[in-house]
Amino acid sequence: MASATSCYSALAPFATTATPEDPYVYQVGFGNRFATEALPGTLPNARNTPQICKYDLYSEQLNGSPFISTRAALQHAWFYRIRPSVAINEITKMIDDHDVTANFSLSNPKVQFMPTQFAWDPFPIPSSSEKVDFVDGLKTIGGQGDPTLREGIAVHMYMANTSMANRALCNNDGDMLILPQQGRLDIQTEFGRMMVRPGELVVIQAGIRFKVVLPDGPVRGYIQEIFGSHYELPELGPVGSNGMALPRDFEIPVASFDIDSSPWEVTYKMCGVLYRCTQNHTPFDVVAWHGTYAPYKYAIEKFVTYGNLDKDQADPTISCILLAKSKVPGINISEFLAFTPKWCVTSNTFRPPYYHRNMASEVMGLIYGKYGGSSHVLEAGGLSYEASFMPHGETYETFVDASNAELAPLRVCEGTIAFMFHIGVQFSLTEYALERSGALHLSPTDQWDNVKAGFLDHIDEINKSLIAAGLPVLHSAPRNTPATPEPVASRPAAPNSSLPVPREHLEKTCPTEALVGTASSPESGVSAPWEIVPDVKTVGGKED
């Protein structure tokens, strides 16, 4: 009699499914040890360097950490490729006509450490009259440290309108976290191919050769590069086993190779200097590989958000996706924070980002949507910068609105992804960012002139309480009542400066149709931009 029991087994480990927007498949898991082969049976059995590799391939190791490292820190990969990487021609230094740097020393006159805040409009994409690929479109905004010391960070923008043809980039300085803002990036690496869209991040570690094709035309995006460290997931602590960025949502390419003996150029970046060499074959000829040192991508929309449910605010690092540790225990070089849609439900709480002085330097960008939560303008494709320990926060008008708003459950950051590079060191700005980008704007110098000291309105009330307690009373000083702000058009122009003149019409980009005090429930669909409260009209009275 036949058994009624059936048994089904997986035919292979899990891999993602291709879509029209992303034709590639991926392995999944952050920090895993992967093994993948484009031709079955290519990976050697029980050894890394057999005397003869299958199909006469060459074995080659890529190390992203020292040989002597803890198992947790060890990162490397073994390639089985058609030609070894060493088969190249002479390496020559390229002409220094680019805007890439890795020298953020005080002795470098082309960078400045400035105790202030700046913002940049969307960085301009090259015109159709010039062809600019991903490498030529790299622009360094600022940084700190030095890749020769394997400690530091750099922030770049990229703007390009041309695909890389027979050209590859190998960045020897550090790991790049790349955030497309406009247009997908079709990235070919030695490990395989990845399609990365706005709303996703991709990390390409130091020493990996890659090529960028532009399937949607002109592109723009952000890059955070770290020297001497690698990105890792933050500890979960009391959150427990699940939450934030889930390891299974990180996607790693599968082996893919080309057979191509045409001329190629590889650009190497070392200490911010660009070098070039030619070779008579493609660098993307890896038939199989295994290891832990591999590029990966992650869809930011998958982030499991957290927030306070009853009262008060959480610090922004509750939105940390990845971090990079420094050599100082307990201090990170940088944390990458992403602000995605969520509910705000706290009561008797000031909901916008609080006024703040932070030991970290804050560099913010916007992938898509509308941004609120600061006193300066930020648009998709632009940047903002807050220097270490310098004060920043929402406008006085937003403070008044939020202090008097009727608090109700509210969707925030709907249709938006904003991010912050939360950098744990002083951060310098380059000459390009301050003088040549054509995108810098400054906040009006009179922006805070209308701030009212509401405390002074309560002097009589305070003195009555002090008298009742037998304490000395306060002596009221002359009140500096802010003058009614002049119309924007009548304000004088900014004084002469080595920096661009600030825009006269500096308006926030947050929409005003979402009312903060409108009662809502998780089913109502009422939404507000970015993190907490936009510039909107107050509805209702102050909550008791």
Protein backbone atom coordinates (compact mmCIF):
# COMPACT_ATOMS: atom_id res chain seq x y z
CA MET A 1 0.00 0.00 0.00
CA ALA A 2 1.44 3.37 -1.00
CA SER A 3 2.38 5.78 1.77
CA ALA A 4 0.18 8.86 2.17
CA THR A 5 3.20 10.89 3.27
CA SER A 6 4.79 13.30 0.80
CA CYS A 7 8.13 15.06 1.17
CA TYR A 8 9.19 18.20 -0.66
CA SER A 9 12.67 19.71 -0.48
CA ALA A 10 14.11 22.97 -1.72
CA LEU A 11 16.11 22.61 -4.92
CA ALA A 12 18.46 25.48 -4.05
CA PRO A 13 19.00 28.18 -1.40
CA PHE A 14 16.63 31.13 -1.53
CA ALA A 15 17.28 33.78 -4.17
CA THR A 16 15.23 36.80 -5.16
CA THR A 17 13.11 36.93 -8.31
CA ALA A 18 13.87 39.21 -11.25
CA THR A 19 11.40 42.00 -12.09
CA PRO A 20 11.00 44.39 -15.04
CA GLU A 21 12.63 47.13 -12.92
CA ASP A 22 15.46 44.86 -11.75
CA PRO A 23 16.35 41.99 -14.10
CA TYR A 24 18.91 40.44 -11.74
CA VAL A 25 18.59 37.86 -8.95
CA TYR A 26 20.37 38.06 -5.60
CA GLN A 27 21.47 36.02 -2.63
CA VAL A 28 20.27 37.43 0.69
CA GLY A 29 21.70 38.03 4.15
CA PHE A 30 23.96 40.62 5.76
CA GLY A 31 27.45 39.40 6.68
CA ASN A 32 26.90 35.85 5.47
CA ARG A 33 29.51 33.64 3.83
CA PHE A 34 28.32 33.21 0.25
CA ALA A 35 29.18 30.77 -2.55
CA THR A 36 27.99 31.22 -6.13
CA GLU A 37 29.02 29.90 -9.54
CA ALA A 38 27.84 30.90 -12.99
CA LEU A 39 28.94 27.50 -14.35
CA PRO A 40 28.03 24.46 -12.22
CA GLY A 41 30.94 22.68 -10.58
CA THR A 42 33.39 25.58 -10.94
CA LEU A 43 34.05 26.13 -7.22
CA PRO A 44 36.81 23.82 -5.98
CA ASN A 45 35.95 21.25 -3.34
CA ALA A 46 37.50 21.51 0.14
CA ARG A 47 40.29 23.89 -0.95
CA ASN A 48 40.74 27.42 -2.29
CA THR A 49 43.78 27.00 -4.54
CA PRO A 50 43.82 23.65 -6.35
CA GLN A 51 46.85 22.92 -8.50
CA ILE A 52 44.65 23.30 -11.56
CA CYS A 53 41.28 25.04 -11.34
CA LYS A 54 38.40 23.73 -13.39
CA TYR A 55 38.38 25.04 -16.97
CA ASP A 56 41.93 26.37 -16.32
CA LEU A 57 40.57 29.34 -14.36
CA TYR A 58 42.82 31.38 -12.08
CA SER A 59 42.25 31.47 -8.31
CA GLU A 60 42.64 34.90 -6.71
CA GLN A 61 41.93 36.20 -3.20
CA LEU A 62 40.65 39.69 -2.32
CA ASN A 63 41.17 40.68 1.32
CA GLY A 64 39.13 43.47 2.94
CA SER A 65 40.69 42.95 6.37
CA PRO A 66 44.14 41.96 7.70
CA PHE A 67 45.01 38.27 7.57
CA ILE A 68 45.17 38.21 11.36
CA SER A 69 41.73 39.40 12.39
CA THR A 70 39.04 38.07 14.66
CA ARG A 71 36.59 35.80 12.88
CA ALA A 72 33.92 38.48 13.32
CA ALA A 73 36.13 41.05 11.58
CA LEU A 74 37.59 38.82 8.85
CA GLN A 75 36.36 39.78 5.37
CA HIS A 76 37.69 38.22 2.18
CA ALA A 77 36.61 36.52 -1.03
CA TRP A 78 38.04 33.96 -3.45
CA PHE A 79 37.60 34.48 -7.20
CA TYR A 80 37.86 31.90 -9.99
CA ARG A 81 38.39 33.98 -13.09
CA ILE A 82 39.37 33.78 -16.73
CA ARG A 83 42.44 36.04 -16.34
CA PRO A 84 44.14 37.22 -13.13
CA SER A 85 43.74 40.88 -12.16
CA VAL A 86 47.50 41.39 -12.34
CA ALA A 87 47.38 41.18 -16.16
CA ILE A 88 47.39 44.96 -16.74
CA ASN A 89 49.58 47.53 -18.46
CA GLU A 90 51.43 50.54 -17.02
CA ILE A 91 49.64 52.63 -14.37
CA THR A 92 49.84 56.40 -14.91
CA LYS A 93 48.59 59.39 -12.92
CA MET A 94 45.65 61.23 -14.47
CA ILE A 95 45.55 64.99 -15.01
CA ASP A 96 44.41 66.72 -11.80
CA ASP A 97 41.37 68.45 -13.30
CA HIS A 98 38.71 66.75 -11.17
CA ASP A 99 36.91 67.66 -7.94
CA VAL A 100 37.74 64.53 -5.95
CA THR A 101 39.88 64.74 -2.83
CA ALA A 102 40.73 62.69 0.25
CA ASN A 103 42.98 65.26 1.97
CA PHE A 104 40.99 66.89 4.77
CA SER A 105 43.95 68.13 6.78
CA LEU A 106 44.06 71.61 8.32
CA SER A 107 47.13 72.17 6.14
CA ASN A 108 45.06 71.79 2.96
CA PRO A 109 43.97 75.30 1.85
CA LYS A 110 41.24 73.80 -0.36
CA VAL A 111 39.13 72.60 2.58
CA GLN A 112 37.64 74.58 5.46
CA PHE A 113 36.28 73.65 8.88
CA MET A 114 33.49 76.17 9.47
CA PRO A 115 31.22 76.52 12.55
CA THR A 116 27.99 77.20 10.73
CA GLN A 117 25.20 75.62 8.70
CA PHE A 118 24.89 75.45 4.93
CA ALA A 119 22.43 74.09 2.41
CA TRP A 120 22.70 73.33 -1.27
CA ASP A 121 19.99 73.33 -3.91
CA PRO A 122 19.85 70.25 -6.18
CA PHE A 123 23.28 69.87 -7.71
CA PRO A 124 23.22 70.51 -11.46
CA ILE A 125 23.34 67.56 -13.83
CA PRO A 126 25.78 67.96 -16.75
CA SER A 127 24.31 69.44 -19.91
CA SER A 128 23.77 67.28 -22.96
CA SER A 129 26.62 69.11 -24.71
CA GLU A 130 29.21 67.25 -22.59
CA LYS A 131 29.58 63.57 -21.83
CA VAL A 132 30.19 62.86 -18.16
CA ASP A 133 30.24 59.31 -16.76
CA PHE A 134 30.07 58.21 -13.12
CA VAL A 135 33.81 58.63 -12.50
CA ASP A 136 34.07 62.04 -14.15
CA GLY A 137 30.91 63.18 -12.32
CA LEU A 138 32.25 62.58 -8.79
CA LYS A 139 32.40 65.76 -6.66
CA THR A 140 33.72 65.75 -3.09
CA ILE A 141 31.63 67.87 -0.70
CA GLY A 142 33.71 67.40 2.42
CA GLY A 143 35.22 64.99 4.88
CA GLN A 144 37.62 64.36 7.71
CA GLY A 145 40.59 62.11 8.30
CA ASP A 146 42.94 60.44 5.88
CA PRO A 147 42.85 57.12 3.99
CA THR A 148 46.60 56.69 4.61
CA LEU A 149 45.75 56.36 8.32
CA ARG A 150 42.71 54.20 7.55
CA GLU A 151 40.53 56.50 9.62
CA GLY A 152 38.06 59.04 8.30
CA ILE A 153 35.19 59.82 6.00
CA ALA A 154 34.31 61.65 2.79
CA VAL A 155 30.97 62.75 1.34
CA HIS A 156 30.59 63.06 -2.43
CA MET A 157 27.89 63.84 -4.96
CA TYR A 158 27.76 62.21 -8.37
CA MET A 159 26.10 63.74 -11.45
CA ALA A 160 26.44 61.96 -14.79
CA ASN A 161 24.73 61.66 -18.16
CA THR A 162 26.79 58.94 -19.89
CA SER A 163 27.29 55.25 -19.20
CA MET A 164 30.76 53.89 -18.57
CA ALA A 165 31.69 51.86 -21.66
CA ASN A 166 34.93 49.85 -21.47
CA ARG A 167 35.89 51.58 -18.27
CA ALA A 168 35.88 50.49 -14.61
CA LEU A 169 36.57 52.21 -11.29
CA CYS A 170 38.52 50.70 -8.39
CA ASN A 171 38.42 52.79 -5.22
CA ASN A 172 41.36 51.84 -3.00
CA ASP A 173 40.56 54.44 -0.32
CA GLY A 174 37.44 53.10 1.36
CA ASP A 175 33.96 51.61 1.22
CA MET A 176 31.35 53.61 -0.71
CA LEU A 177 27.72 53.78 0.35
CA ILE A 178 25.91 55.03 -2.76
CA LEU A 179 22.38 56.49 -2.73
CA PRO A 180 20.78 57.10 -6.14
CA GLN A 181 18.46 60.12 -6.10
CA GLN A 182 17.63 60.41 -9.80
CA GLY A 183 17.81 57.47 -12.20
CA ARG A 184 18.74 53.84 -11.68
CA LEU A 185 22.34 52.61 -11.65
CA ASP A 186 23.08 49.34 -13.46
CA ILE A 187 26.26 48.35 -11.64
CA GLN A 188 28.53 45.58 -12.89
CA THR A 189 31.08 44.33 -10.36
CA GLU A 190 33.54 41.47 -10.21
CA PHE A 191 30.99 39.70 -7.99
CA GLY A 192 28.05 40.12 -10.35
CA ARG A 193 25.46 42.69 -11.39
CA MET A 194 23.12 44.92 -9.37
CA MET A 195 20.35 47.30 -10.41
CA VAL A 196 19.98 50.07 -7.84
CA ARG A 197 17.08 52.56 -7.92
CA PRO A 198 16.27 55.71 -5.91
CA GLY A 199 15.10 54.44 -2.53
CA GLU A 200 17.82 51.79 -2.38
CA LEU A 201 21.40 51.97 -1.14
CA VAL A 202 24.37 50.02 -2.42
CA VAL A 203 27.71 49.46 -0.67
CA ILE A 204 30.80 48.75 -2.78
CA GLN A 205 33.82 48.02 -0.63
CA ALA A 206 37.38 49.18 -1.19
CA GLY A 207 39.37 47.38 -3.87
CA ILE A 208 36.37 46.13 -5.86
CA ARG A 209 36.28 47.07 -9.54
CA PHE A 210 32.92 48.19 -10.89
CA LYS A 211 31.24 49.87 -13.84
CA VAL A 212 28.08 52.03 -13.91
CA VAL A 213 25.56 52.06 -16.77
CA LEU A 214 22.64 54.55 -16.86
CA PRO A 215 19.48 52.78 -18.08
CA ASP A 216 17.24 55.81 -17.37
CA GLY A 217 19.48 58.58 -18.69
CA PRO A 218 21.08 61.31 -16.53
CA VAL A 219 21.62 60.48 -12.86
CA ARG A 220 22.38 62.18 -9.57
CA GLY A 221 23.02 60.83 -6.10
CA TYR A 222 24.93 60.82 -2.85
CA ILE A 223 27.97 58.90 -1.60
CA GLN A 224 29.39 58.42 1.88
CA GLU A 225 32.87 56.89 1.84
CA ILE A 226 34.57 55.52 4.97
CA PHE A 227 38.31 54.94 5.34
CA GLY A 228 39.65 51.94 7.24
CA SER A 229 36.35 50.61 8.55
CA HIS A 230 33.41 48.66 7.16
CA TYR A 231 29.70 49.24 7.47
CA GLU A 232 27.83 47.04 9.91
CA LEU A 233 24.37 46.76 11.41
CA PRO A 234 23.76 48.53 14.72
CA GLU A 235 23.20 46.42 17.81
CA LEU A 236 19.53 45.85 18.61
CA GLY A 237 19.82 45.93 22.42
CA PRO A 238 16.39 45.97 24.11
CA VAL A 239 14.69 45.91 20.71
CA GLY A 240 15.37 42.18 20.72
CA SER A 241 15.76 39.82 17.81
CA ASN A 242 13.81 41.71 15.15
CA GLY A 243 13.54 45.22 13.86
CA MET A 244 15.34 48.10 12.17
CA ALA A 245 17.16 46.84 9.04
CA LEU A 246 16.57 43.09 8.84
CA PRO A 247 19.66 41.12 7.70
CA ARG A 248 17.61 39.01 5.26
CA ASP A 249 16.62 42.14 3.32
CA PHE A 250 20.19 42.81 2.14
CA GLU A 251 20.83 41.51 -1.37
CA ILE A 252 24.15 40.27 -2.74
CA PRO A 253 24.89 39.59 -6.43
CA VAL A 254 25.36 36.13 -7.92
CA ALA A 255 28.34 35.27 -10.10
CA SER A 256 28.24 36.66 -13.63
CA PHE A 257 31.03 36.89 -16.19
CA ASP A 258 31.78 38.26 -19.65
CA ILE A 259 34.06 36.86 -22.36
CA ASP A 260 35.62 40.03 -23.72
CA SER A 261 39.15 40.58 -25.09
CA SER A 262 38.67 44.21 -26.18
CA PRO A 263 40.70 47.11 -24.71
CA TRP A 264 39.61 48.36 -21.28
CA GLU A 265 40.62 51.18 -18.95
CA VAL A 266 40.57 50.87 -15.16
CA THR A 267 40.63 54.06 -13.05
CA TYR A 268 42.14 53.63 -9.59
CA LYS A 269 41.50 56.11 -6.76
CA MET A 270 44.20 56.16 -4.12
CA CYS A 271 44.39 58.89 -1.46
CA GLY A 272 42.04 60.98 -3.55
CA VAL A 273 44.33 60.88 -6.58
CA LEU A 274 43.14 59.22 -9.81
CA TYR A 275 45.32 56.84 -11.82
CA ARG A 276 44.60 54.91 -14.99
CA CYS A 277 45.80 51.75 -16.63
CA THR A 278 44.76 49.78 -19.68
CA GLN A 279 44.30 46.06 -20.21
CA ASN A 280 43.30 43.91 -23.17
CA HIS A 281 40.41 42.12 -21.45
CA THR A 282 37.39 42.82 -19.29
CA PRO A 283 37.86 43.00 -15.50
CA PHE A 284 34.46 41.29 -15.13
CA ASP A 285 35.42 37.70 -15.86
CA VAL A 286 34.80 35.99 -12.50
CA VAL A 287 33.06 32.68 -13.20
CA ALA A 288 32.60 31.75 -9.50
CA TRP A 289 33.36 33.17 -6.09
CA HIS A 290 32.88 32.53 -2.40
CA GLY A 291 33.52 34.57 0.73
CA THR A 292 32.28 37.34 3.02
CA TYR A 293 33.65 40.44 1.27
CA ALA A 294 31.01 41.30 -1.33
CA PRO A 295 28.95 44.32 -2.39
CA TYR A 296 25.30 44.49 -1.38
CA LYS A 297 22.16 46.58 -1.76
CA TYR A 298 19.17 47.33 0.48
CA ALA A 299 15.71 48.83 -0.14
CA ILE A 300 15.33 51.61 2.46
CA GLU A 301 11.53 51.30 2.34
CA LYS A 302 11.90 47.91 4.09
CA PHE A 303 13.31 49.53 7.23
CA VAL A 304 11.28 48.65 10.34
CA THR A 305 10.68 52.04 11.95
CA TYR A 306 10.48 52.83 15.64
CA GLY A 307 9.10 55.74 17.61
CA ASN A 308 7.77 56.75 21.01
CA LEU A 309 4.18 55.63 21.57
CA ASP A 310 3.16 57.82 24.49
CA LYS A 311 5.36 60.82 25.14
CA ASP A 312 8.61 62.61 24.42
CA GLN A 313 10.95 62.17 21.45
CA ALA A 314 13.46 59.52 20.52
CA ASP A 315 16.85 60.58 19.22
CA PRO A 316 17.20 60.36 15.42
CA THR A 317 19.63 57.46 15.67
CA ILE A 318 16.62 55.21 16.26
CA SER A 319 16.47 55.32 12.44
CA CYS A 320 20.02 53.94 11.97
CA ILE A 321 20.41 51.44 9.13
CA LEU A 322 24.20 51.07 9.01
CA LEU A 323 27.13 52.41 11.01
CA ALA A 324 30.91 52.46 10.75
CA LYS A 325 32.98 52.25 13.91
CA SER A 326 35.99 54.43 14.65
CA LYS A 327 39.14 53.48 16.52
CA VAL A 328 37.72 55.14 19.64
CA PRO A 329 35.50 52.67 21.54
CA GLY A 330 31.89 53.82 21.73
CA ILE A 331 32.21 56.47 19.01
CA ASN A 332 31.31 55.76 15.40
CA ILE A 333 32.83 57.47 12.39
CA SER A 334 29.32 57.72 11.01
CA GLU A 335 25.80 56.38 11.31
CA PHE A 336 23.56 56.28 8.27
CA LEU A 337 20.02 57.27 9.30
CA ALA A 338 16.95 57.11 7.06
CA PHE A 339 13.62 58.80 7.76
CA THR A 340 10.75 56.84 6.25
CA PRO A 341 6.94 56.91 6.67
CA LYS A 342 5.58 56.21 10.15
CA TRP A 343 2.92 57.25 12.66
CA CYS A 344 3.43 59.97 15.28
CA VAL A 345 1.09 59.47 18.24
CA THR A 346 2.75 61.10 21.27
CA SER A 347 0.74 63.33 23.62
CA ASN A 348 1.79 66.49 25.46
CA THR A 349 4.99 66.43 23.41
CA PHE A 350 6.74 68.98 21.20
CA ARG A 351 6.79 66.91 18.02
CA PRO A 352 9.18 68.70 15.62
CA PRO A 353 12.89 67.98 16.02
CA TYR A 354 13.99 69.73 19.18
CA TYR A 355 16.47 72.62 19.18
CA HIS A 356 19.82 70.95 19.30
CA ARG A 357 23.58 71.26 19.64
CA ASN A 358 25.19 67.99 18.64
CA MET A 359 28.77 66.80 19.01
CA ALA A 360 28.30 65.06 15.65
CA SER A 361 28.35 66.80 12.28
CA GLU A 362 25.08 66.34 10.40
CA VAL A 363 24.89 66.04 6.61
CA MET A 364 21.36 65.55 5.30
CA GLY A 365 19.92 64.74 1.90
CA LEU A 366 16.55 63.99 0.35
CA ILE A 367 15.94 61.09 -2.03
CA TYR A 368 12.34 61.96 -2.83
CA GLY A 369 9.31 63.63 -1.26
CA LYS A 370 9.08 66.78 0.85
CA TYR A 371 11.36 67.74 3.71
CA GLY A 372 10.52 69.54 6.95
CA GLY A 373 12.16 69.61 10.34
CA SER A 374 14.76 72.33 9.90
CA SER A 375 15.03 76.06 9.40
CA HIS A 376 16.59 75.81 5.97
CA VAL A 377 15.45 74.60 2.57
CA LEU A 378 16.27 71.08 1.45
CA GLU A 379 15.11 69.69 -1.88
CA ALA A 380 15.60 66.30 -3.50
CA GLY A 381 19.12 66.22 -4.92
CA GLY A 382 20.35 68.91 -2.51
CA LEU A 383 22.24 68.75 0.79
CA SER A 384 22.39 70.45 4.16
CA TYR A 385 25.19 70.64 6.71
CA GLU A 386 25.19 71.39 10.45
CA ALA A 387 28.62 71.80 12.03
CA SER A 388 29.57 69.97 15.21
CA PHE A 389 28.15 71.60 18.37
CA MET A 390 26.50 74.41 16.39
CA PRO A 391 22.84 75.18 17.24
CA HIS A 392 20.10 74.25 14.80
CA GLY A 393 16.39 73.54 14.74
CA GLU A 394 13.01 74.47 13.34
CA THR A 395 11.87 78.01 12.52
CA TYR A 396 10.25 80.14 15.20
CA GLU A 397 6.98 80.04 13.26
CA THR A 398 6.98 76.25 13.37
CA PHE A 399 7.83 76.35 17.08
CA VAL A 400 4.77 78.49 17.75
CA ASP A 401 2.53 76.31 15.58
CA ALA A 402 3.71 73.06 17.17
CA SER A 403 3.47 74.46 20.70
CA ASN A 404 -0.20 75.29 20.19
CA ALA A 405 -1.31 72.47 17.92
CA GLU A 406 -4.03 70.01 18.82
CA LEU A 407 -2.17 66.71 18.97
CA ALA A 408 -3.68 63.74 17.19
CA PRO A 409 -2.29 60.60 15.51
CA LEU A 410 -0.50 61.72 12.38
CA ARG A 411 1.31 60.07 9.47
CA VAL A 412 4.72 61.63 8.94
CA CYS A 413 7.24 61.30 6.12
CA GLU A 414 4.55 59.93 3.81
CA GLY A 415 5.90 59.52 0.27
CA THR A 416 9.34 60.62 1.45
CA ILE A 417 12.80 59.25 2.11
CA ALA A 418 15.21 61.65 3.79
CA PHE A 419 18.54 60.62 5.27
CA MET A 420 21.35 61.82 7.49
CA PHE A 421 25.04 61.04 7.58
CA HIS A 422 25.47 61.39 11.35
CA ILE A 423 29.23 61.94 11.44
CA GLY A 424 31.01 61.60 14.77
CA VAL A 425 33.91 63.96 13.96
CA GLN A 426 34.52 67.53 12.81
CA PHE A 427 33.74 67.83 9.10
CA SER A 428 35.46 70.04 6.55
CA LEU A 429 33.96 71.45 3.35
CA THR A 430 35.76 71.54 0.02
CA GLU A 431 36.43 74.44 -2.29
CA TYR A 432 34.05 72.84 -4.78
CA ALA A 433 31.20 72.77 -2.25
CA LEU A 434 31.72 76.35 -1.10
CA GLU A 435 32.63 78.09 -4.34
CA ARG A 436 32.16 76.09 -7.53
CA SER A 437 29.10 73.89 -7.09
CA GLY A 438 26.66 76.62 -8.12
CA ALA A 439 24.14 75.18 -5.66
CA LEU A 440 25.08 76.69 -2.30
CA HIS A 441 22.61 78.98 -0.56
CA LEU A 442 22.73 80.60 2.86
CA SER A 443 19.92 81.24 5.27
CA PRO A 444 18.92 84.93 5.71
CA THR A 445 20.96 86.65 8.40
CA ASP A 446 17.76 88.02 9.98
CA GLN A 447 16.06 84.61 10.12
CA TRP A 448 15.93 84.55 13.92
CA ASP A 449 15.23 88.22 14.56
CA ASN A 450 11.57 87.56 15.34
CA VAL A 451 12.21 85.00 18.09
CA LYS A 452 10.24 86.06 21.16
CA ALA A 453 11.35 85.40 24.74
CA GLY A 454 7.96 84.23 26.00
CA PHE A 455 9.41 83.81 29.49
CA LEU A 456 9.39 87.61 29.91
CA ASP A 457 5.60 87.67 29.59
CA HIS A 458 5.37 85.71 32.85
CA ILE A 459 7.52 87.92 35.12
CA ASP A 460 4.53 89.11 37.20
CA GLU A 461 3.24 85.55 37.57
CA ILE A 462 6.70 84.31 38.54
CA ASN A 463 7.17 87.09 41.13
CA LYS A 464 3.88 86.23 42.80
CA SER A 465 5.06 82.64 43.16
CA LEU A 466 8.44 83.78 44.50
CA ILE A 467 6.84 86.11 47.05
CA ALA A 468 4.54 83.32 48.21
CA ALA A 469 7.59 81.14 48.70
CA GLY A 470 9.51 83.87 50.56
CA LEU A 471 12.10 84.23 47.82
CA PRO A 472 13.57 87.34 46.14
CA VAL A 473 11.64 88.56 43.12
CA LEU A 474 12.97 88.95 39.58
CA HIS A 475 13.75 92.42 38.27
CA SER A 476 12.33 92.71 34.78
CA ALA A 477 14.71 94.02 32.15
CA PRO A 478 13.59 96.18 29.21
CA ARG A 479 11.82 93.92 26.77
CA ASN A 480 13.24 93.61 23.30
CA THR A 481 10.05 93.20 21.35
CA PRO A 482 10.90 91.93 17.87
CA ALA A 483 9.99 94.35 15.14
CA THR A 484 7.53 93.22 12.54
CA PRO A 485 9.63 91.53 9.85
CA GLU A 486 10.05 93.54 6.69
CA PRO A 487 8.61 92.14 3.49
CA VAL A 488 11.19 89.93 1.84
CA ALA A 489 11.49 92.18 -1.18
CA SER A 490 12.52 95.18 0.97
CA ARG A 491 15.33 93.48 2.83
CA PRO A 492 18.86 94.67 2.00
CA ALA A 493 21.13 92.42 0.02
CA ALA A 494 23.66 90.32 1.90
CA PRO A 495 27.06 91.92 2.48
CA ASN A 496 29.95 91.04 0.21
CA SER A 497 31.34 87.63 1.00
CA SER A 498 33.65 85.06 -0.49
CA LEU A 499 30.65 82.73 -0.47
CA PRO A 500 27.63 83.02 -2.77
CA VAL A 501 24.98 85.57 -1.80
CA PRO A 502 22.03 83.91 -0.02
CA ARG A 503 18.77 83.61 -1.88
CA GLU A 504 16.43 86.50 -1.02
CA HIS A 505 13.31 84.38 -1.27
CA LEU A 506 14.09 81.54 1.09
CA GLU A 507 10.88 79.54 1.49
CA LYS A 508 10.39 76.12 3.00
CA THR A 509 9.51 73.33 0.65
CA CYS A 510 7.06 71.59 2.97
CA PRO A 511 3.48 71.49 1.71
CA THR A 512 0.94 73.38 3.79
CA GLU A 513 -2.19 71.42 3.06
CA ALA A 514 -1.62 68.84 5.84
CA LEU A 515 -3.05 70.31 9.06
CA VAL A 516 -1.14 69.35 12.18
CA GLY A 517 -4.13 69.45 14.48
CA THR A 518 -6.55 67.55 12.28
CA ALA A 519 -7.84 64.56 14.21
CA SER A 520 -6.91 61.32 12.56
CA SER A 521 -6.63 57.62 13.10
CA PRO A 522 -4.47 54.94 11.46
CA GLU A 523 -7.23 54.59 8.87
CA SER A 524 -7.69 58.25 8.09
CA GLY A 525 -4.72 58.69 5.77
CA VAL A 526 -3.89 62.22 7.03
CA SER A 527 -0.21 62.79 6.37
CA ALA A 528 2.58 65.27 6.93
CA PRO A 529 6.05 65.49 5.38
CA TRP A 530 9.33 64.09 6.68
CA GLU A 531 9.89 63.82 10.39
CA ILE A 532 7.32 65.63 12.50
CA VAL A 533 5.70 68.97 11.68
CA PRO A 534 5.79 71.22 8.60
CA ASP A 535 5.10 74.96 8.42
CA VAL A 536 1.35 74.80 8.71
CA LYS A 537 -1.54 76.67 10.27
CA THR A 538 -2.34 75.85 13.89
CA VAL A 539 -5.65 74.17 14.54
CA GLY A 540 -7.19 74.02 17.98
CA GLY A 541 -5.67 75.13 21.25
CA LYS A 542 -2.70 74.05 23.32
CA GLU A 543 -3.09 70.66 24.96
CA ASP A 544 -3.39 70.65 28.71
